[in-house]
Amino acid sequence: MMTVLIYKEAMLKTIAKLIGFIALAMTVITAILDLTRTIANSALTITSLGLEWFNFHLPSLNGFQVGIQRKLGVPWLWESVIQNILLAPSWLVFGVIAIIFLWLGRRKDRCWRQRFGS
């Protein structure tokens, strides 16, 4: 029974690390896109997550809004929380997600005696 719990914990940590590294890659990609747009426009350009999502796939953004407001029945969540997240810079949102999931997937600290067998 204990080995099953350890296996499940290791699997969940691996999935958390995978999500964290994907979010980290998205952080780098969106930061490079903003940097490229800044150089091309000769002015500071910071693209919000909502605009990136709008340009990438508008029907999924609309479906997400409808799902939150009508199907879940919590329009305040869309108006007060999610809209503020969508207005934040995309690299910042992906960076925070990466930090959270990489932290969740970290190894537990072991003391040096366990690590080196003294």
Protein backbone atom coordinates (compact mmCIF):
# COMPACT_ATOMS: atom_id res chain seq x y z
CA MET A 1 0.00 0.00 0.00
CA MET A 2 2.83 2.38 0.86
CA THR A 3 4.60 1.76 -2.45
CA VAL A 4 1.43 2.66 -4.33
CA LEU A 5 1.23 5.99 -2.50
CA ILE A 6 4.89 6.71 -3.20
CA TYR A 7 4.38 5.82 -6.88
CA LYS A 8 1.33 8.12 -7.13
CA GLU A 9 3.20 10.95 -5.43
CA ALA A 10 6.14 10.54 -7.81
CA MET A 11 3.80 10.47 -10.79
CA LEU A 12 1.99 13.64 -9.65
CA LYS A 13 5.33 15.38 -9.11
CA THR A 14 6.42 14.38 -12.59
CA ILE A 15 3.21 15.75 -14.09
CA ALA A 16 3.63 18.98 -12.09
CA LYS A 17 7.21 19.32 -13.38
CA LEU A 18 6.05 18.72 -16.95
CA ILE A 19 3.36 21.42 -16.67
CA GLY A 20 5.91 23.71 -15.03
CA PHE A 21 8.44 23.25 -17.83
CA ILE A 22 5.78 23.80 -20.49
CA ALA A 23 4.73 27.01 -18.74
CA LEU A 24 8.39 28.02 -18.50
CA ALA A 25 8.78 27.48 -22.24
CA MET A 26 5.66 29.60 -22.84
CA THR A 27 7.17 32.28 -20.60
CA VAL A 28 10.30 32.42 -22.72
CA ILE A 29 8.36 32.34 -26.00
CA THR A 30 5.99 35.15 -25.03
CA ALA A 31 8.83 37.24 -23.59
CA ILE A 32 10.77 36.86 -26.85
CA LEU A 33 7.66 37.83 -28.82
CA ASP A 34 7.23 40.98 -26.70
CA LEU A 35 10.92 41.78 -27.07
CA THR A 36 10.71 41.33 -30.85
CA ARG A 37 7.63 43.56 -31.04
CA THR A 38 9.38 46.17 -28.90
CA ILE A 39 12.38 46.22 -31.24
CA ALA A 40 10.19 46.30 -34.36
CA ASN A 41 8.00 49.14 -33.05
CA SER A 42 10.86 51.07 -31.43
CA ALA A 43 8.62 51.40 -28.39
CA LEU A 44 7.93 49.27 -25.36
CA THR A 45 5.31 46.66 -26.27
CA ILE A 46 3.82 44.39 -23.62
CA THR A 47 1.09 42.05 -24.84
CA SER A 48 -1.58 40.90 -22.41
CA LEU A 49 -2.58 37.28 -22.06
CA GLY A 50 -6.10 38.09 -23.25
CA LEU A 51 -4.81 39.65 -26.47
CA GLU A 52 -2.49 36.71 -27.10
CA TRP A 53 -5.40 34.30 -26.58
CA PHE A 54 -7.65 36.47 -28.78
CA ASN A 55 -5.09 36.37 -31.60
CA PHE A 56 -4.38 32.67 -31.15
CA HIS A 57 -7.90 31.19 -30.96
CA LEU A 58 -10.91 33.46 -30.41
CA PRO A 59 -13.62 30.72 -30.26
CA SER A 60 -11.93 29.05 -27.27
CA LEU A 61 -11.71 32.39 -25.45
CA ASN A 62 -15.42 33.01 -26.06
CA GLY A 63 -16.25 29.45 -24.99
CA PHE A 64 -14.23 29.88 -21.81
CA GLN A 65 -16.10 33.09 -20.98
CA VAL A 66 -19.49 31.48 -21.63
CA GLY A 67 -18.50 28.46 -19.55
CA ILE A 68 -17.53 30.59 -16.58
CA GLN A 69 -20.40 33.07 -16.72
CA ARG A 70 -23.37 30.97 -17.79
CA LYS A 71 -22.62 27.28 -17.30
CA LEU A 72 -20.90 27.63 -13.92
CA GLY A 73 -23.18 30.51 -13.00
CA VAL A 74 -20.48 32.69 -11.45
CA PRO A 75 -20.25 35.88 -13.53
CA TRP A 76 -18.40 37.65 -10.70
CA LEU A 77 -15.49 35.24 -11.19
CA TRP A 78 -15.10 36.35 -14.79
CA GLU A 79 -15.51 40.04 -14.05
CA SER A 80 -13.33 40.35 -10.97
CA VAL A 81 -10.69 37.63 -11.24
CA ILE A 82 -10.24 36.25 -14.73
CA GLN A 83 -10.43 39.58 -16.57
CA ASN A 84 -7.61 40.91 -14.38
CA ILE A 85 -5.52 37.83 -15.17
CA LEU A 86 -6.24 38.26 -18.90
CA LEU A 87 -5.09 41.90 -18.71
CA ALA A 88 -1.71 40.93 -17.20
CA PRO A 89 1.35 40.45 -19.43
CA SER A 90 1.38 36.96 -20.87
CA TRP A 91 4.98 36.25 -19.86
CA LEU A 92 4.15 37.18 -16.27
CA VAL A 93 1.13 34.86 -16.08
CA PHE A 94 3.04 31.93 -17.59
CA GLY A 95 5.99 32.70 -15.31
CA VAL A 96 3.85 32.54 -12.18
CA ILE A 97 2.27 29.29 -13.36
CA ALA A 98 5.74 27.86 -14.06
CA ILE A 99 7.01 28.82 -10.60
CA ILE A 100 3.98 27.28 -8.88
CA PHE A 101 4.10 23.97 -10.74
CA LEU A 102 7.88 23.62 -10.55
CA TRP A 103 7.64 24.28 -6.81
CA LEU A 104 4.93 21.61 -6.49
CA GLY A 105 7.10 19.13 -8.41
CA ARG A 106 10.29 19.71 -6.45
CA ARG A 107 12.08 17.00 -4.50
CA LYS A 108 11.79 16.97 -0.76
CA ASP A 109 14.89 18.23 0.95
CA ARG A 110 17.02 15.48 2.38
CA CYS A 111 19.74 16.03 4.88
CA TRP A 112 23.30 15.41 3.74
CA ARG A 113 23.58 12.26 5.88
CA GLN A 114 20.77 10.57 3.99
CA ARG A 115 22.22 11.68 0.71
CA PHE A 116 25.80 10.51 1.37
CA GLY A 117 25.18 7.67 3.81
CA SER A 118 27.13 8.92 6.84
